[in-house]
């Protein structure tokens, strides 16, 4: 009996040590894999950034087709998105591509790319949502346009862009004859942003719409 108990104690200890060893080994393998992935990801980021320079240059020159599709001398935004999909540059390329398609009046393609763009930067993310609103407005979908304009306005409000987004939302609401909602947008400008460029026009619109609400 003693021998059996000793064997069982030895067996349990060996099993426990094996489990600990496997856990340590798994942690080491995972850490090594993560380090390797991070090195490869950094290399991808650098490569994608280098390719973005020429595409952005074409964008700034308002050569939107070449910015999107590339040229013999540079990679286009669409290929950057496809080839470097996990990089920050590809994410930014989606925003640029969305603006390019807006300028080409291809609003469906613009929406496709703008909706995939994500940023923690309060200016860029709100701007992307406002552009989505513009794309819907251009297609006559004023209800969805208003949704995204309000989303942009409510995301980290600031004195420079928020009044513009509120004014855009008001116009979209008016197009749907939702005068109360439109008036509320203008009232927010009047109340919260007295120094905004949109302030005086907002005051006039509040007075005009007050008879409808």
Protein backbone atom coordinates (compact mmCIF):
# COMPACT_ATOMS: atom_id res chain seq x y z
CA UNK A 1 0.00 0.00 0.00
CA UNK A 2 2.86 2.30 0.89
CA UNK A 3 4.43 1.68 -2.50
CA UNK A 4 1.16 2.52 -4.24
CA UNK A 5 0.79 5.79 -2.29
CA UNK A 6 4.39 6.75 -3.03
CA UNK A 7 3.83 5.98 -6.70
CA UNK A 8 0.68 8.10 -6.77
CA UNK A 9 2.45 11.04 -5.11
CA UNK A 10 5.30 10.75 -7.60
CA UNK A 11 2.81 10.47 -10.49
CA UNK A 12 0.85 13.56 -9.40
CA UNK A 13 4.06 15.57 -8.93
CA UNK A 14 5.32 14.53 -12.36
CA UNK A 15 1.99 15.41 -13.97
CA UNK A 16 1.96 18.83 -12.28
CA UNK A 17 5.53 19.54 -13.37
CA UNK A 18 4.67 18.49 -16.91
CA UNK A 19 1.63 20.82 -16.94
CA UNK A 20 3.75 23.73 -15.68
CA UNK A 21 6.39 22.96 -18.27
CA UNK A 22 3.82 22.88 -21.06
CA UNK A 23 2.33 26.21 -19.90
CA UNK A 24 5.77 27.85 -19.78
CA UNK A 25 6.60 26.43 -23.19
CA UNK A 26 3.31 27.70 -24.63
CA UNK A 27 3.95 31.18 -23.22
CA UNK A 28 7.47 31.24 -24.70
CA UNK A 29 6.23 30.04 -28.10
CA UNK A 30 3.41 32.61 -28.07
CA UNK A 31 5.79 35.41 -27.08
CA UNK A 32 8.20 34.45 -29.85
CA UNK A 33 5.37 34.29 -32.38
CA UNK A 34 4.09 37.71 -31.27
CA UNK A 35 7.56 39.24 -31.53
CA UNK A 36 7.96 37.77 -35.01
CA UNK A 37 4.50 39.04 -36.07
CA UNK A 38 5.29 42.52 -34.73
CA UNK A 39 8.55 42.65 -36.71
CA UNK A 40 6.74 41.61 -39.89
CA UNK A 41 3.93 44.08 -39.19
CA UNK A 42 6.41 46.93 -38.70
CA UNK A 43 8.03 46.05 -42.02
CA UNK A 44 4.59 46.06 -43.69
CA UNK A 45 3.83 49.46 -42.15
CA UNK A 46 7.04 50.99 -43.48
CA UNK A 47 6.46 49.53 -46.93
CA UNK A 48 2.84 50.72 -47.02
CA UNK A 49 3.81 54.21 -45.85
CA UNK A 50 6.39 54.49 -48.60
CA UNK A 51 3.79 53.53 -51.20
CA UNK A 52 1.29 56.01 -49.77
CA UNK A 53 3.49 59.05 -50.44
CA UNK A 54 3.02 59.06 -54.21
CA UNK A 55 -0.67 58.20 -53.99
CA UNK A 56 -1.25 61.10 -51.60
CA UNK A 57 0.73 63.39 -53.89
CA UNK A 58 -1.59 62.47 -56.78
CA UNK A 59 -4.58 63.02 -54.48
CA UNK A 60 -3.36 66.49 -53.55
CA UNK A 61 -2.92 67.24 -57.25
CA UNK A 62 -6.61 66.27 -57.63
CA UNK A 63 -5.65 63.44 -59.95
CA UNK A 64 -8.18 61.21 -58.24
CA UNK A 65 -8.29 58.40 -60.79
CA UNK A 66 -4.51 57.89 -60.69
CA UNK A 67 -4.52 58.20 -56.90
CA UNK A 68 -7.04 55.37 -56.78
CA UNK A 69 -5.69 53.07 -59.45
CA UNK A 70 -2.02 54.00 -59.51
CA UNK A 71 0.29 54.74 -62.40
CA UNK A 72 3.42 53.17 -63.88
CA UNK A 73 5.39 55.06 -61.24
CA UNK A 74 3.34 54.41 -58.12
CA UNK A 75 0.92 52.10 -56.39
CA UNK A 76 -2.68 53.28 -56.15
CA UNK A 77 -4.76 53.54 -53.00
CA UNK A 78 -6.87 50.51 -53.93
CA UNK A 79 -3.81 48.27 -54.24
CA UNK A 80 -2.42 49.59 -50.95
CA UNK A 81 -5.71 48.67 -49.26
CA UNK A 82 -5.66 45.22 -50.83
CA UNK A 83 -1.98 44.40 -50.37
CA UNK A 84 -1.48 45.91 -46.90
CA UNK A 85 -4.93 45.45 -45.40
CA UNK A 86 -3.74 45.09 -41.79
CA UNK A 87 -1.69 48.30 -41.73
CA UNK A 88 -2.53 51.78 -40.50
CA UNK A 89 -1.65 53.11 -43.95
CA UNK A 90 -4.30 50.89 -45.56
CA UNK A 91 -6.84 52.22 -43.08
CA UNK A 92 -5.92 55.81 -43.97
CA UNK A 93 -5.99 54.87 -47.67
CA UNK A 94 -9.67 53.96 -47.21
CA UNK A 95 -10.41 57.55 -46.20
CA UNK A 96 -8.47 58.95 -49.17
CA UNK A 97 -10.17 56.47 -51.50
CA UNK A 98 -13.57 57.51 -50.18
CA UNK A 99 -12.83 61.17 -50.92
CA UNK A 100 -11.56 60.26 -54.40
CA UNK A 101 -14.77 58.41 -55.18
CA UNK A 102 -16.81 61.33 -53.83
CA UNK A 103 -15.05 63.60 -56.30
CA UNK A 104 -15.75 61.10 -59.07
CA UNK A 105 -19.41 61.01 -57.98
CA UNK A 106 -19.24 57.27 -57.36
CA UNK A 107 -21.06 57.49 -54.07
CA UNK A 108 -21.63 53.76 -53.59
CA UNK A 109 -17.87 53.10 -53.76
CA UNK A 110 -17.22 56.10 -51.52
CA UNK A 111 -19.55 54.66 -48.88
CA UNK A 112 -17.90 51.26 -49.11
CA UNK A 113 -14.48 52.68 -48.23
CA UNK A 114 -15.52 55.39 -45.80
CA UNK A 115 -17.50 52.95 -43.68
CA UNK A 116 -14.43 50.74 -43.30
CA UNK A 117 -12.27 53.62 -42.07
CA UNK A 118 -11.75 53.77 -38.30
CA UNK A 119 -9.70 56.25 -36.31
CA UNK A 120 -9.25 57.36 -32.72
CA UNK A 121 -8.38 60.83 -33.99
CA UNK A 122 -11.48 62.93 -33.27
CA UNK A 123 -11.07 65.10 -36.37
CA UNK A 124 -10.61 62.31 -38.91
CA UNK A 125 -13.28 59.97 -37.56
CA UNK A 126 -15.90 62.72 -37.40
CA UNK A 127 -14.87 63.90 -40.86
CA UNK A 128 -15.31 60.39 -42.25
CA UNK A 129 -18.84 60.20 -40.81
CA UNK A 130 -19.65 63.63 -42.26
CA UNK A 131 -18.44 62.45 -45.67
CA UNK A 132 -20.69 59.41 -45.36
CA UNK A 133 -23.50 61.87 -44.70
CA UNK A 134 -22.51 63.79 -47.84
CA UNK A 135 -22.57 60.58 -49.91
CA UNK A 136 -26.05 59.69 -48.69
CA UNK A 137 -27.26 63.26 -49.28
CA UNK A 138 -25.95 63.16 -52.85
CA UNK A 139 -27.98 59.99 -53.39
CA UNK A 140 -31.09 61.62 -51.99
CA UNK A 141 -31.12 59.54 -48.81
CA UNK A 142 -31.50 62.47 -46.43
CA UNK A 143 -32.59 60.31 -43.49
CA UNK A 144 -29.29 58.41 -43.46
CA UNK A 145 -27.40 61.63 -44.20
CA UNK A 146 -28.86 63.19 -41.05
CA UNK A 147 -27.89 60.13 -38.99
CA UNK A 148 -24.23 60.45 -39.94
CA UNK A 149 -24.09 64.24 -39.68
CA UNK A 150 -25.44 63.99 -36.13
CA UNK A 151 -22.99 61.19 -35.38
CA UNK A 152 -20.13 63.43 -36.54
CA UNK A 153 -21.45 66.40 -34.55
CA UNK A 154 -21.78 64.41 -31.33
CA UNK A 155 -18.34 62.81 -31.54
CA UNK A 156 -16.01 64.87 -29.34
CA UNK A 157 -17.67 68.24 -30.06
CA UNK A 158 -15.40 71.17 -30.94
CA UNK A 159 -15.95 74.79 -31.95
CA UNK A 160 -14.49 74.45 -35.44
CA UNK A 161 -16.21 71.45 -37.06
CA UNK A 162 -19.24 70.66 -34.90
CA UNK A 163 -21.29 73.71 -36.05
CA UNK A 164 -20.70 72.70 -39.67
CA UNK A 165 -21.92 69.16 -39.02
CA UNK A 166 -24.97 70.45 -37.15
CA UNK A 167 -25.81 72.77 -40.04
CA UNK A 168 -25.50 69.86 -42.47
CA UNK A 169 -27.76 67.74 -40.28
CA UNK A 170 -30.31 70.57 -40.19
CA UNK A 171 -30.38 70.76 -43.98
CA UNK A 172 -30.88 67.00 -44.21
CA UNK A 173 -33.74 67.16 -41.71
CA UNK A 174 -35.34 70.01 -43.64
CA UNK A 175 -35.17 67.96 -46.82
CA UNK A 176 -37.28 65.36 -44.99
CA UNK A 177 -39.59 68.12 -43.66
CA UNK A 178 -38.49 67.32 -40.11
CA UNK A 179 -38.51 70.95 -39.11
CA UNK A 180 -38.37 70.43 -35.36
CA UNK A 181 -35.20 68.33 -35.62
CA UNK A 182 -33.68 70.88 -38.01
CA UNK A 183 -34.51 73.75 -35.67
CA UNK A 184 -32.93 71.89 -32.74
CA UNK A 185 -29.67 71.56 -34.69
CA UNK A 186 -29.61 75.29 -35.40
CA UNK A 187 -30.45 76.06 -31.77
CA UNK A 188 -27.43 74.04 -30.63
CA UNK A 189 -25.22 76.19 -32.86
CA UNK A 190 -26.75 79.39 -31.46
CA UNK A 191 -26.48 78.22 -27.86
CA UNK A 192 -23.06 76.53 -27.86
CA UNK A 193 -21.05 78.10 -30.69
CA UNK A 194 -21.55 81.91 -30.76
CA UNK A 195 -18.18 82.44 -32.46
CA UNK A 196 -18.81 79.96 -35.26
CA UNK A 197 -19.09 81.06 -38.89
CA UNK A 198 -22.47 79.33 -38.97
CA UNK A 199 -23.84 81.31 -35.98
CA UNK A 200 -25.60 84.18 -37.80
CA UNK A 201 -27.21 81.91 -40.37
CA UNK A 202 -28.29 79.54 -37.61
CA UNK A 203 -30.04 82.40 -35.80
CA UNK A 204 -31.97 83.27 -38.97
CA UNK A 205 -32.96 79.64 -39.49
CA UNK A 206 -34.16 79.29 -35.90
CA UNK A 207 -36.40 82.31 -36.41
CA UNK A 208 -37.63 80.96 -39.77
CA UNK A 209 -38.33 77.44 -38.53
CA UNK A 210 -39.87 78.43 -35.21
CA UNK A 211 -43.27 78.91 -36.94
CA UNK A 212 -43.21 75.28 -38.08
CA UNK A 213 -42.51 73.71 -34.68
